[in-house]
Every structure is written in C-alpha cells, then in structure tokens.
Amino acid sequence: MGSFPIGQGFNRSAQSCQTQTVYVIDDDVAVRRSLQFLLSTAGFTSWPFSCAFDFLDNLPNLRPAPILLDINMPEIGGMDLLSELTNREITWPVIAMTGNADIPVAVQAIKNGAVDLLEKPLDFDVLEAALGDAVERLSNIKDSEETRCNARRLFDCLSSRETEILAVLIDGLPNKVAAHHLSLSVRTVEMHRANALQKLKVKSIAAVLHLEKDAECTLKNLVDAI
C-alpha cells in the first residue's frame, strides 16, 4: 500500500524508521484506515489484516515486524492470537490495543506476550513512542536470532562422535576420564576434541560453553537427538 508524506514536526527517530512495516490486525475497517494514515505520517508502512485467521494464513510469508493487535475481535481474539504466537515461537513485538483498557486486561496482555497495551482512540505521541520501543526490541530480537542461528549452524557441522565427546568434556572432565566414560582411547578423544574445536572455530572448551549459550541448546540435548 502507498504511504503519505512524512509530516513536519515529528521527531527524527520516527523518520529514521521510514521503511519499517507494521502489521495491523483489527476487524474494524475504519480503525485500519485511520492507523494507515497515522503510521504513514510517522514514516511507517501499514500492512493491515482484518482478522487473526488472515494474519496466521500469511504468517509463513511475513518478515519480522512490530504488530498492532486489537484485543477484542470475533472468533480468534487478541489474547488467543498472542498465545498462538508464543506457541509458534514468534517473538516479534506486539502492541495490544483495546477500547476498554483496565488493569486485568493489561496484565493478561503482558502475560500473553504483548510489550505494551494502548487504549483507543490512540494518542499519536503514545503510539509513536510505543512503536519506537517496538522497533528497538525487534532489532535486538534479530541480533539474538542471528547469533543463535550462527551457533547452531556451527554445531550442525559436528559429527555425532564429536558432539558426544564435547558433551562430556564440557562438564570439566579431563580427556582421560572422558575416554574412560565413553569407552574410547585417550588418543581418540584428543583427536575428536581437536577436530570439533576447529569446526566450531574456538580454541577451548570454555569457548564451547559460550557457544552453547548462544545456541540456546545444550550439547547433551544434541546428543539425545542423534
């Protein structure tokens, strides 16, 4: 959809987000149109969805972006969609919207994964601030996902034997004890350890621990999955 020119008087941070897409999920067409105007004025591009089903159907083809989500929708409500996004491990920042905000609704929305809850009709300054925070969160999420993917890609390069040996050595056991534990020769453990460290592009078992943290999975889990 086209966007309106950026109006004068809005802060530089909003203008820096000129190409940032925001997914708008609301069953009220008037709200979707109003938000398209507000978002384009602040330098964002609105991608509207009339219901949660529509958004979920398109989800596999969507790139990570902030989400403006109406809480009170028929069939699949905003709270249910928040739960579904959590189940699918979608961590994009969601700003919930409601026409009757109260403390229980706010608490439930945050528990279900929303980063903020705004009351309709939306105040432009409040919306702009919330979106600025959402864009920053999204950037951090992308960085974390890239780190995780890179670490897991390195672990995928390991053979099953190398993974098994590292899973034992990472507990701090010396090569001799690890060899006895795995019924292998010390030479075999040393050889696989050296090959594994080279593949992981690290020089020590301590560095493997940091890589394991980046991957958000354990070598023991990888061994169990073999």
Protein backbone atom coordinates (compact mmCIF):
# COMPACT_ATOMS: atom_id res chain seq x y z
CA MET A 1 0.00 0.00 0.00
CA GLY A 2 1.20 3.56 -0.61
CA SER A 3 2.24 5.84 2.20
CA PHE A 4 1.62 9.50 2.85
CA PRO A 5 4.47 12.04 3.02
CA ILE A 6 6.04 12.48 6.43
CA GLY A 7 4.58 15.49 8.17
CA GLN A 8 6.72 18.21 9.65
CA GLY A 9 7.31 18.43 13.37
CA PHE A 10 7.73 14.72 14.11
CA ASN A 11 10.92 13.50 15.73
CA ARG A 12 13.96 12.20 13.91
CA SER A 13 13.67 8.71 15.37
CA ALA A 14 10.31 8.18 13.69
CA GLN A 15 11.64 9.42 10.36
CA SER A 16 14.56 7.00 10.59
CA CYS A 17 12.01 4.17 10.58
CA GLN A 18 10.55 5.27 7.24
CA THR A 19 10.71 1.82 5.64
CA GLN A 20 9.62 -0.15 8.72
CA THR A 21 6.48 -2.23 8.20
CA VAL A 22 3.89 -2.55 10.96
CA TYR A 23 1.28 -5.32 10.86
CA VAL A 24 -2.14 -4.03 11.91
CA ILE A 25 -4.68 -6.67 12.99
CA ASP A 26 -8.12 -5.20 13.65
CA ASP A 27 -11.61 -6.22 12.49
CA ASP A 28 -12.73 -2.56 12.25
CA VAL A 29 -12.01 -1.21 8.75
CA ALA A 30 -12.24 2.39 9.98
CA VAL A 31 -9.54 1.70 12.57
CA ARG A 32 -7.31 0.06 9.97
CA ARG A 33 -7.65 3.08 7.67
CA SER A 34 -7.01 5.50 10.50
CA LEU A 35 -3.91 3.60 11.56
CA GLN A 36 -2.64 3.50 7.99
CA PHE A 37 -2.71 7.29 7.95
CA LEU A 38 -1.15 7.68 11.40
CA LEU A 39 1.60 5.17 10.67
CA SER A 40 2.47 6.62 7.28
CA THR A 41 2.62 10.11 8.80
CA ALA A 42 5.22 8.78 11.25
CA GLY A 43 7.19 7.09 8.48
CA PHE A 44 5.89 3.53 8.87
CA THR A 45 4.17 1.33 6.30
CA SER A 46 0.93 -0.31 7.41
CA TRP A 47 0.14 -3.90 6.41
CA PRO A 48 -3.49 -4.46 7.52
CA PHE A 49 -5.26 -7.71 8.41
CA SER A 50 -8.97 -7.89 9.16
CA CYS A 51 -8.74 -10.89 11.49
CA ALA A 52 -6.32 -13.22 13.22
CA PHE A 53 -7.03 -16.01 10.71
CA ASP A 54 -5.89 -13.76 7.86
CA PHE A 55 -2.66 -12.92 9.68
CA LEU A 56 -1.90 -16.54 10.58
CA ASP A 57 -2.54 -17.68 7.00
CA ASN A 58 0.02 -15.16 5.75
CA LEU A 59 2.48 -15.62 8.62
CA PRO A 60 4.85 -18.03 6.79
CA ASN A 61 5.49 -15.35 4.16
CA LEU A 62 5.89 -12.39 6.52
CA ARG A 63 9.14 -10.84 7.66
CA PRO A 64 9.66 -9.89 11.34
CA ALA A 65 7.95 -6.58 12.16
CA PRO A 66 6.05 -4.90 15.01
CA ILE A 67 2.39 -5.85 15.36
CA LEU A 68 -0.55 -3.64 16.37
CA LEU A 69 -3.19 -6.04 17.64
CA ASP A 70 -6.78 -5.37 18.65
CA ILE A 71 -7.66 -7.36 21.75
CA ASN A 72 -11.42 -7.52 21.14
CA MET A 73 -12.00 -9.39 17.88
CA PRO A 74 -14.52 -12.13 16.97
CA GLU A 75 -13.54 -15.80 16.56
CA ILE A 76 -9.83 -15.56 17.44
CA GLY A 77 -9.39 -12.67 19.86
CA GLY A 78 -6.20 -10.78 20.51
CA MET A 79 -5.37 -12.74 23.66
CA ASP A 80 -5.74 -16.02 21.79
CA LEU A 81 -3.53 -14.78 18.97
CA LEU A 82 -0.86 -13.73 21.47
CA SER A 83 -0.88 -17.25 22.89
CA GLU A 84 -0.70 -18.75 19.41
CA LEU A 85 2.29 -16.58 18.51
CA THR A 86 4.03 -17.78 21.68
CA ASN A 87 3.28 -21.40 20.73
CA ARG A 88 4.84 -20.78 17.32
CA GLU A 89 7.87 -19.11 18.93
CA ILE A 90 7.13 -15.82 17.14
CA THR A 91 8.82 -13.16 19.26
CA TRP A 92 8.00 -10.05 17.21
CA PRO A 93 6.96 -7.16 19.48
CA VAL A 94 3.18 -6.91 19.81
CA ILE A 95 1.44 -3.71 20.88
CA ALA A 96 -2.07 -4.60 22.03
CA MET A 97 -4.98 -2.17 21.52
CA THR A 98 -8.33 -2.03 23.28
CA GLY A 99 -11.26 0.31 23.66
CA ASN A 100 -11.75 -0.51 27.33
CA ALA A 101 -8.36 -0.84 28.94
CA ASP A 102 -8.23 -1.81 32.60
CA ILE A 103 -5.61 -3.34 34.86
CA PRO A 104 -6.71 -7.01 34.47
CA VAL A 105 -6.73 -6.70 30.66
CA ALA A 106 -3.32 -5.02 30.68
CA VAL A 107 -1.84 -7.66 32.99
CA GLN A 108 -3.25 -10.51 30.89
CA ALA A 109 -2.00 -8.96 27.64
CA ILE A 110 1.52 -8.58 29.03
CA LYS A 111 1.46 -12.14 30.42
CA ASN A 112 0.43 -13.39 26.97
CA GLY A 113 3.42 -11.68 25.37
CA ALA A 114 2.40 -8.12 24.45
CA VAL A 115 5.08 -5.47 25.02
CA ASP A 116 2.54 -2.70 25.56
CA LEU A 117 -1.21 -2.01 25.77
CA LEU A 118 -2.70 1.16 24.25
CA GLU A 119 -6.22 2.47 24.73
CA LYS A 120 -8.37 3.50 21.77
CA PRO A 121 -8.68 6.08 20.38
CA LEU A 122 -4.91 6.04 20.08
CA ASP A 123 -2.89 9.08 21.05
CA PHE A 124 -0.34 9.72 18.31
CA ASP A 125 2.55 10.56 20.64
CA VAL A 126 1.90 7.48 22.75
CA LEU A 127 1.63 5.29 19.64
CA GLU A 128 4.83 6.74 18.19
CA ALA A 129 6.74 6.10 21.42
CA ALA A 130 5.44 2.53 21.63
CA LEU A 131 6.45 1.84 18.04
CA GLY A 132 9.89 3.31 18.62
CA ASP A 133 10.36 0.90 21.51
CA ALA A 134 9.00 -1.97 19.40
CA VAL A 135 11.46 -1.25 16.58
CA GLU A 136 14.34 -1.28 19.07
CA ARG A 137 13.12 -4.56 20.54
CA LEU A 138 12.83 -6.03 17.05
CA SER A 139 16.41 -5.08 16.30
CA ASN A 140 17.56 -6.85 19.47
CA ILE A 141 15.48 -9.90 18.56
CA LYS A 142 17.03 -10.05 15.09
CA ASP A 143 20.52 -9.83 16.59
CA SER A 144 19.71 -12.63 19.05
CA GLU A 145 18.22 -14.84 16.34
CA GLU A 146 21.23 -14.33 14.10
CA THR A 147 23.58 -15.23 16.96
CA ARG A 148 21.52 -18.33 17.77
CA CYS A 149 21.36 -19.47 14.14
CA ASN A 150 25.09 -19.00 13.63
CA ALA A 151 25.91 -21.00 16.76
CA ARG A 152 23.53 -23.83 15.84
CA ARG A 153 24.94 -23.89 12.30
CA LEU A 154 28.40 -24.48 13.76
CA PHE A 155 27.15 -27.29 16.00
CA ASP A 156 25.46 -28.89 12.97
CA CYS A 157 28.93 -29.28 11.44
CA LEU A 158 29.98 -31.69 14.18
CA SER A 159 29.86 -35.44 13.75
CA SER A 160 27.85 -37.47 16.22
CA ARG A 161 31.04 -38.68 17.89
CA GLU A 162 32.45 -35.16 18.18
CA THR A 163 29.19 -33.94 19.70
CA GLU A 164 29.18 -36.84 22.17
CA ILE A 165 32.75 -36.16 23.27
CA LEU A 166 32.22 -32.42 23.70
CA ALA A 167 29.07 -33.10 25.71
CA VAL A 168 31.24 -34.97 28.22
CA LEU A 169 34.23 -32.62 28.16
CA ILE A 170 32.02 -29.57 28.68
CA ASP A 171 31.35 -30.82 32.22
CA GLY A 172 35.01 -30.22 33.01
CA LEU A 173 36.21 -33.81 32.76
CA PRO A 174 39.84 -34.33 31.63
CA ASN A 175 40.45 -36.27 28.42
CA LYS A 176 41.46 -39.43 30.29
CA VAL A 177 38.27 -39.53 32.37
CA ALA A 178 36.11 -38.70 29.33
CA ALA A 179 37.79 -41.53 27.42
CA HIS A 180 37.01 -43.99 30.21
CA HIS A 181 33.41 -42.71 30.42
CA LEU A 182 32.87 -43.21 26.68
CA SER A 183 34.91 -46.45 26.42
CA LEU A 184 37.32 -44.80 23.99
CA SER A 185 41.07 -44.35 23.88
CA VAL A 186 42.54 -41.08 25.12
CA ARG A 187 44.03 -40.56 21.66
CA THR A 188 40.57 -40.86 20.07
CA VAL A 189 39.12 -38.31 22.47
CA GLU A 190 42.00 -35.91 21.84
CA MET A 191 41.65 -36.24 18.07
CA HIS A 192 37.88 -35.66 18.03
CA ARG A 193 38.21 -32.82 20.50
CA ALA A 194 40.75 -31.06 18.29
CA ASN A 195 38.61 -31.58 15.17
CA ALA A 196 35.48 -30.33 16.96
CA LEU A 197 37.15 -27.16 18.24
CA GLN A 198 38.46 -26.45 14.75
CA LYS A 199 34.96 -26.85 13.25
CA LEU A 200 33.45 -24.61 15.92
CA LYS A 201 36.22 -22.02 15.32
CA VAL A 202 37.11 -21.87 19.01
CA LYS A 203 40.25 -22.76 20.96
CA SER A 204 38.92 -24.08 24.28
CA ILE A 205 36.10 -25.95 25.97
CA ALA A 206 35.28 -22.74 27.83
CA ALA A 207 34.57 -21.10 24.47
CA VAL A 208 32.31 -24.04 23.59
CA LEU A 209 30.30 -23.22 26.72
CA HIS A 210 29.74 -19.68 25.45
CA LEU A 211 28.76 -21.02 22.03
CA GLU A 212 26.32 -23.41 23.69
CA LYS A 213 24.73 -20.44 25.44
CA ASP A 214 24.48 -18.55 22.14
CA ALA A 215 22.80 -21.55 20.51
CA GLU A 216 20.24 -21.73 23.35
CA CYS A 217 20.55 -25.50 23.40
CA THR A 218 22.86 -27.93 25.14
CA LEU A 219 25.25 -30.45 23.64
CA LYS A 220 23.56 -33.10 25.75
CA ASN A 221 20.27 -32.30 24.02
CA LEU A 222 22.01 -32.60 20.66
CA VAL A 223 23.40 -35.98 21.68
CA ASP A 224 19.91 -37.15 22.71
CA ALA A 225 18.58 -36.05 19.32
CA ILE A 226 21.15 -38.09 17.40
